[in-house]
C-alpha atoms as a PDB file:
ATOM      1  CA  UNK A   1      35.611 103.350 -18.983  1.00  0.00           C
ATOM      2  CA  UNK A   2      37.412 102.205 -16.101  1.00  0.00           C
ATOM      3  CA  UNK A   3      40.696  99.845 -16.396  1.00  0.00           C
ATOM      4  CA  UNK A   4      38.907  96.948 -14.865  1.00  0.00           C
ATOM      5  CA  UNK A   5      36.255  97.248 -17.384  1.00  0.00           C
ATOM      6  CA  UNK A   6      38.558  97.670 -20.137  1.00  0.00           C
ATOM      7  CA  UNK A   7      40.276  94.410 -19.044  1.00  0.00           C
ATOM      8  CA  UNK A   8      43.151  95.832 -17.483  1.00  0.00           C
ATOM      9  CA  UNK A   9      44.577  94.576 -14.109  1.00  0.00           C
ATOM     10  CA  UNK A  10      45.055  97.648 -11.577  1.00  0.00           C
ATOM     11  CA  UNK A  11      47.058  95.304  -9.512  1.00  0.00           C
ATOM     12  CA  UNK A  12      49.510  95.689 -12.120  1.00  0.00           C
ATOM     13  CA  UNK A  13      49.873  99.193 -12.903  1.00  0.00           C
ATOM     14  CA  UNK A  14      47.087  98.989 -15.662  1.00  0.00           C
ATOM     15  CA  UNK A  15      48.593  96.312 -17.758  1.00  0.00           C
ATOM     16  CA  UNK A  16      46.499  93.637 -19.089  1.00  0.00           C
ATOM     17  CA  UNK A  17      46.547  90.450 -16.793  1.00  0.00           C
ATOM     18  CA  UNK A  18      48.909  87.778 -17.863  1.00  0.00           C
ATOM     19  CA  UNK A  19      47.242  84.668 -19.771  1.00  0.00           C
ATOM     20  CA  UNK A  20      47.222  81.716 -17.645  1.00  0.00           C
ATOM     21  CA  UNK A  21      49.636  79.137 -18.677  1.00  0.00           C
ATOM     22  CA  UNK A  22      48.064  76.356 -20.937  1.00  0.00           C
ATOM     23  CA  UNK A  23      47.007  73.561 -18.753  1.00  0.00           C
ATOM     24  CA  UNK A  24      46.997  69.926 -20.019  1.00  0.00           C
ATOM     25  CA  UNK A  25      44.164  69.104 -17.782  1.00  0.00           C
ATOM     26  CA  UNK A  26      41.471  69.455 -20.499  1.00  0.00           C
ATOM     27  CA  UNK A  27      43.261  66.943 -22.569  1.00  0.00           C
ATOM     28  CA  UNK A  28      43.692  64.778 -19.643  1.00  0.00           C
ATOM     29  CA  UNK A  29      40.224  64.787 -18.491  1.00  0.00           C
ATOM     30  CA  UNK A  30      38.976  64.154 -22.052  1.00  0.00           C
ATOM     31  CA  UNK A  31      41.082  61.035 -22.376  1.00  0.00           C
ATOM     32  CA  UNK A  32      39.724  59.946 -18.870  1.00  0.00           C
ATOM     33  CA  UNK A  33      36.049  60.087 -20.071  1.00  0.00           C
ATOM     34  CA  UNK A  34      36.683  58.695 -23.457  1.00  0.00           C
ATOM     35  CA  UNK A  35      38.365  55.921 -21.684  1.00  0.00           C
ATOM     36  CA  UNK A  36      34.940  55.523 -19.432  1.00  0.00           C
ATOM     37  CA  UNK A  37      33.100  55.596 -23.160  1.00  0.00           C
ATOM     38  CA  UNK A  38      31.443  58.943 -22.750  1.00  0.00           C
ATOM     39  CA  UNK A  39      29.514  59.336 -25.846  1.00  0.00           C
ATOM     40  CA  UNK A  40      27.322  62.410 -24.969  1.00  0.00           C
ATOM     41  CA  UNK A  41      28.490  65.567 -23.613  1.00  0.00           C
ATOM     42  CA  UNK A  42      26.116  68.737 -22.646  1.00  0.00           C
ATOM     43  CA  UNK A  43      27.038  71.846 -21.720  1.00  0.00           C
ATOM     44  CA  UNK A  44      26.371  75.596 -21.216  1.00  0.00           C
ATOM     45  CA  UNK A  45      29.102  77.762 -22.835  1.00  0.00           C
ATOM     46  CA  UNK A  46      31.644  78.240 -20.106  1.00  0.00           C
ATOM     47  CA  UNK A  47      35.214  79.739 -20.217  1.00  0.00           C
ATOM     48  CA  UNK A  48      36.670  77.234 -17.503  1.00  0.00           C
ATOM     49  CA  UNK A  49      35.493  74.326 -19.581  1.00  0.00           C
ATOM     50  CA  UNK A  50      36.130  75.888 -23.164  1.00  0.00           C
ATOM     51  CA  UNK A  51      39.034  73.636 -24.160  1.00  0.00           C
ATOM     52  CA  UNK A  52      37.294  70.634 -23.000  1.00  0.00           C
ATOM     53  CA  UNK A  53      34.131  71.360 -24.901  1.00  0.00           C
ATOM     54  CA  UNK A  54      36.225  72.057 -28.121  1.00  0.00           C
ATOM     55  CA  UNK A  55      37.751  68.479 -27.727  1.00  0.00           C
ATOM     56  CA  UNK A  56      34.488  66.976 -27.343  1.00  0.00           C
ATOM     57  CA  UNK A  57      32.810  69.083 -29.992  1.00  0.00           C
ATOM     58  CA  UNK A  58      35.618  67.980 -32.391  1.00  0.00           C
ATOM     59  CA  UNK A  59      35.033  64.145 -31.730  1.00  0.00           C
ATOM     60  CA  UNK A  60      33.014  62.504 -34.203  1.00  0.00           C
ATOM     61  CA  UNK A  61      32.208  59.602 -31.813  1.00  0.00           C
ATOM     62  CA  UNK A  62      30.652  62.197 -29.282  1.00  0.00           C
ATOM     63  CA  UNK A  63      27.274  64.027 -29.664  1.00  0.00           C
ATOM     64  CA  UNK A  64      27.985  67.511 -28.034  1.00  0.00           C
ATOM     65  CA  UNK A  65      24.805  69.189 -26.910  1.00  0.00           C
ATOM     66  CA  UNK A  66      24.693  73.050 -26.300  1.00  0.00           C
ATOM     67  CA  UNK A  67      22.088  73.705 -23.638  1.00  0.00           C
ATOM     68  CA  UNK A  68      20.019  76.678 -23.093  1.00  0.00           C
ATOM     69  CA  UNK A  69      19.859  75.991 -19.185  1.00  0.00           C
ATOM     70  CA  UNK A  70      21.813  73.536 -17.186  1.00  0.00           C
ATOM     71  CA  UNK A  71      18.946  71.272 -15.997  1.00  0.00           C
ATOM     72  CA  UNK A  72      18.241  70.320 -19.705  1.00  0.00           C
ATOM     73  CA  UNK A  73      21.639  68.156 -19.449  1.00  0.00           C
ATOM     74  CA  UNK A  74      20.081  66.146 -16.621  1.00  0.00           C
ATOM     75  CA  UNK A  75      17.499  64.982 -19.085  1.00  0.00           C
ATOM     76  CA  UNK A  76      19.910  64.257 -21.942  1.00  0.00           C
ATOM     77  CA  UNK A  77      22.056  62.375 -19.308  1.00  0.00           C
ATOM     78  CA  UNK A  78      18.958  60.412 -18.619  1.00  0.00           C
ATOM     79  CA  UNK A  79      18.294  59.798 -22.112  1.00  0.00           C
ATOM     80  CA  UNK A  80      21.491  58.852 -23.014  1.00  0.00           C
ATOM     81  CA  UNK A  81      21.466  56.170 -20.422  1.00  0.00           C
ATOM     82  CA  UNK A  82      18.219  54.770 -21.445  1.00  0.00           C
ATOM     83  CA  UNK A  83      19.788  54.524 -24.903  1.00  0.00           C
ATOM     84  CA  UNK A  84      22.688  52.662 -23.706  1.00  0.00           C
ATOM     85  CA  UNK A  85      25.179  55.702 -23.763  1.00  0.00           C
ATOM     86  CA  UNK A  86      27.070  57.552 -21.090  1.00  0.00           C
ATOM     87  CA  UNK A  87      27.006  61.193 -20.872  1.00  0.00           C
ATOM     88  CA  UNK A  88      28.951  63.990 -18.798  1.00  0.00           C
ATOM     89  CA  UNK A  89      27.254  67.370 -18.191  1.00  0.00           C
ATOM     90  CA  UNK A  90      29.545  70.317 -17.880  1.00  0.00           C
ATOM     91  CA  UNK A  91      28.746  73.525 -16.179  1.00  0.00           C
ATOM     92  CA  UNK A  92      29.458  76.541 -13.845  1.00  0.00           C
ATOM     93  CA  UNK A  93      28.761  76.542 -10.294  1.00  0.00           C
ATOM     94  CA  UNK A  94      26.250  79.571 -10.835  1.00  0.00           C
ATOM     95  CA  UNK A  95      24.192  76.815 -12.982  1.00  0.00           C
ATOM     96  CA  UNK A  96      23.806  74.186 -10.264  1.00  0.00           C
ATOM     97  CA  UNK A  97      20.771  76.114  -8.643  1.00  0.00           C
ATOM     98  CA  UNK A  98      19.093  75.674 -11.907  1.00  0.00           C
ATOM     99  CA  UNK A  99      19.570  72.010 -11.596  1.00  0.00           C
ATOM    100  CA  UNK A 100      18.287  71.221  -8.212  1.00  0.00           C
ATOM    101  CA  UNK A 101      14.603  70.282  -8.967  1.00  0.00           C
ATOM    102  CA  UNK A 102      15.686  68.050 -11.980  1.00  0.00           C
ATOM    103  CA  UNK A 103      18.178  66.198  -9.843  1.00  0.00           C
ATOM    104  CA  UNK A 104      15.219  64.116  -8.565  1.00  0.00           C
ATOM    105  CA  UNK A 105      15.115  62.371 -11.855  1.00  0.00           C
ATOM    106  CA  UNK A 106      18.591  60.598 -11.441  1.00  0.00           C
ATOM    107  CA  UNK A 107      18.016  60.252  -7.820  1.00  0.00           C
ATOM    108  CA  UNK A 108      14.507  58.373  -7.950  1.00  0.00           C
ATOM    109  CA  UNK A 109      15.289  56.600 -11.499  1.00  0.00           C
ATOM    110  CA  UNK A 110      18.645  55.527 -10.151  1.00  0.00           C
ATOM    111  CA  UNK A 111      20.756  56.360 -13.227  1.00  0.00           C
ATOM    112  CA  UNK A 112      24.070  57.530 -13.329  1.00  0.00           C
ATOM    113  CA  UNK A 113      25.168  61.312 -13.424  1.00  0.00           C
ATOM    114  CA  UNK A 114      28.436  62.753 -13.850  1.00  0.00           C
ATOM    115  CA  UNK A 115      28.702  66.658 -13.711  1.00  0.00           C
ATOM    116  CA  UNK A 116      31.968  68.698 -14.170  1.00  0.00           C
ATOM    117  CA  UNK A 117      31.383  72.171 -12.266  1.00  0.00           C
ATOM    118  CA  UNK A 118      33.738  74.782 -12.650  1.00  0.00           C
ATOM    119  CA  UNK A 119      33.724  76.933  -9.688  1.00  0.00           C
ATOM    120  CA  UNK A 120      33.086  80.837  -9.544  1.00  0.00           C
ATOM    121  CA  UNK A 121      32.749  82.994  -6.509  1.00  0.00           C
ATOM    122  CA  UNK A 122      35.906  81.607  -4.768  1.00  0.00           C
ATOM    123  CA  UNK A 123      39.579  82.416  -5.295  1.00  0.00           C
ATOM    124  CA  UNK A 124      40.171  86.124  -6.935  1.00  0.00           C
ATOM    125  CA  UNK A 125      36.667  86.458  -7.961  1.00  0.00           C
ATOM    126  CA  UNK A 126      35.614  89.948  -9.404  1.00  0.00           C
ATOM    127  CA  UNK A 127      31.884  89.358  -9.799  1.00  0.00           C
ATOM    128  CA  UNK A 128      29.888  89.627  -6.653  1.00  0.00           C
ATOM    129  CA  UNK A 129      26.750  88.024  -8.139  1.00  0.00           C
ATOM    130  CA  UNK A 130      28.891  84.723  -8.347  1.00  0.00           C
ATOM    131  CA  UNK A 131      29.655  84.249  -4.579  1.00  0.00           C
ATOM    132  CA  UNK A 132      26.254  83.374  -2.996  1.00  0.00           C
ATOM    133  CA  UNK A 133      25.776  80.215  -5.391  1.00  0.00           C
ATOM    134  CA  UNK A 134      29.411  79.365  -4.870  1.00  0.00           C
ATOM    135  CA  UNK A 135      29.057  79.149  -1.373  1.00  0.00           C
ATOM    136  CA  UNK A 136      25.710  77.018  -1.740  1.00  0.00           C
ATOM    137  CA  UNK A 137      26.689  74.676  -4.512  1.00  0.00           C
ATOM    138  CA  UNK A 138      28.067  71.823  -2.483  1.00  0.00           C
ATOM    139  CA  UNK A 139      25.559  71.802   0.353  1.00  0.00           C
ATOM    140  CA  UNK A 140      22.738  72.274  -2.356  1.00  0.00           C
ATOM    141  CA  UNK A 141      24.108  69.246  -4.228  1.00  0.00           C
ATOM    142  CA  UNK A 142      24.572  67.154  -1.100  1.00  0.00           C
ATOM    143  CA  UNK A 143      21.181  67.928   0.302  1.00  0.00           C
ATOM    144  CA  UNK A 144      19.588  66.297  -3.028  1.00  0.00           C
ATOM    145  CA  UNK A 145      21.709  63.452  -2.615  1.00  0.00           C
ATOM    146  CA  UNK A 146      24.496  63.931  -5.086  1.00  0.00           C
ATOM    147  CA  UNK A 147      27.968  62.956  -4.027  1.00  0.00           C
ATOM    148  CA  UNK A 148      30.591  65.867  -4.215  1.00  0.00           C
ATOM    149  CA  UNK A 149      34.068  65.474  -4.953  1.00  0.00           C
ATOM    150  CA  UNK A 150      36.450  68.429  -5.448  1.00  0.00           C
ATOM    151  CA  UNK A 151      39.717  68.918  -7.013  1.00  0.00           C
ATOM    152  CA  UNK A 152      42.141  72.195  -6.876  1.00  0.00           C
ATOM    153  CA  UNK A 153      45.105  70.834  -8.712  1.00  0.00           C
ATOM    154  CA  UNK A 154      45.472  69.475 -12.354  1.00  0.00           C
ATOM    155  CA  UNK A 155      46.550  66.020 -11.113  1.00  0.00           C
ATOM    156  CA  UNK A 156      43.652  65.727  -8.269  1.00  0.00           C
ATOM    157  CA  UNK A 157      41.101  66.701 -11.249  1.00  0.00           C
ATOM    158  CA  UNK A 158      42.312  64.080 -13.646  1.00  0.00           C
ATOM    159  CA  UNK A 159      42.359  61.313 -10.763  1.00  0.00           C
ATOM    160  CA  UNK A 160      39.020  62.709  -9.174  1.00  0.00           C
ATOM    161  CA  UNK A 161      37.208  62.631 -12.532  1.00  0.00           C
ATOM    162  CA  UNK A 162      38.543  59.188 -13.258  1.00  0.00           C
ATOM    163  CA  UNK A 163      37.064  58.090  -9.509  1.00  0.00           C
ATOM    164  CA  UNK A 164      33.999  60.047 -10.207  1.00  0.00           C
ATOM    165  CA  UNK A 165      33.314  58.447 -13.377  1.00  0.00           C
ATOM    166  CA  UNK A 166      33.854  54.785 -12.190  1.00  0.00           C
ATOM    167  CA  UNK A 167      31.225  55.573  -9.127  1.00  0.00           C
ATOM    168  CA  UNK A 168      28.747  57.096 -11.755  1.00  0.00           C
ATOM    169  CA  UNK A 169      29.226  54.667 -14.555  1.00  0.00           C
ATOM    170  CA  UNK A 170      29.891  51.412 -12.566  1.00  0.00           C
ATOM    171  CA  UNK A 171      27.722  52.026  -9.361  1.00  0.00           C
ATOM    172  CA  UNK A 172      24.877  54.046 -10.800  1.00  0.00           C
ATOM    173  CA  UNK A 173      25.815  57.067  -8.635  1.00  0.00           C
ATOM    174  CA  UNK A 174      25.379  60.788  -9.123  1.00  0.00           C
ATOM    175  CA  UNK A 175      28.658  62.510  -8.867  1.00  0.00           C
ATOM    176  CA  UNK A 176      29.496  66.231  -9.155  1.00  0.00           C
ATOM    177  CA  UNK A 177      33.346  67.052  -9.461  1.00  0.00           C
ATOM    178  CA  UNK A 178      33.695  70.550  -8.423  1.00  0.00           C
ATOM    179  CA  UNK A 179      36.843  72.191 -10.130  1.00  0.00           C
ATOM    180  CA  UNK A 180      38.295  74.672  -7.982  1.00  0.00           C
ATOM    181  CA  UNK A 181      38.546  78.404  -9.379  1.00  0.00           C
ATOM    182  CA  UNK A 182      42.163  78.658  -8.432  1.00  0.00           C
ATOM    183  CA  UNK A 183      42.831  75.732 -10.987  1.00  0.00           C
ATOM    184  CA  UNK A 184      41.083  77.701 -13.769  1.00  0.00           C
ATOM    185  CA  UNK A 185      43.043  81.040 -13.093  1.00  0.00           C
ATOM    186  CA  UNK A 186      41.894  84.546 -12.610  1.00  0.00           C
ATOM    187  CA  UNK A 187      38.769  85.901 -14.544  1.00  0.00           C
ATOM    188  CA  UNK A 188      38.941  89.344 -15.662  1.00  0.00           C
ATOM    189  CA  UNK A 189      35.833  91.360 -16.879  1.00  0.00           C
END
């Protein structure tokens, strides 16, 4: 087994990579979304969203929906809106490609959609399979009419999510907030 496969960082002489410092942004984003009255959260499990997922999952006032594929989350957001609730969809950039056709639903029906997308295939990526969709994420979303906002720092992320939530829920817009890979820290395999 190679050092990389065993989770060792060759750049550090084979020592395991340092754990990223605990970020406060998931708690801050959770508070922003709660203040925006989000009552449903849909997600495909993702390490970048893991703390935010745990916060929502533990909240008795929020329905947490585990998805088998990301486009199901768009239908959940539509159903939530029709039922008088607000939803957020959490996913990784590799899942955006699964959603392109389903994104016709919020565009044509003119209902709000807020997606928080953790980026892969960018800074310090180890998996070459993540790179093509990373390059295509923003152009693909914009091509189907989704407004894309991007955050690279925790402070930018909290402000961007607040602005995205206002645009989505108050102006019935389809918004994707892209969370830069550097903000999430280096992933190892």
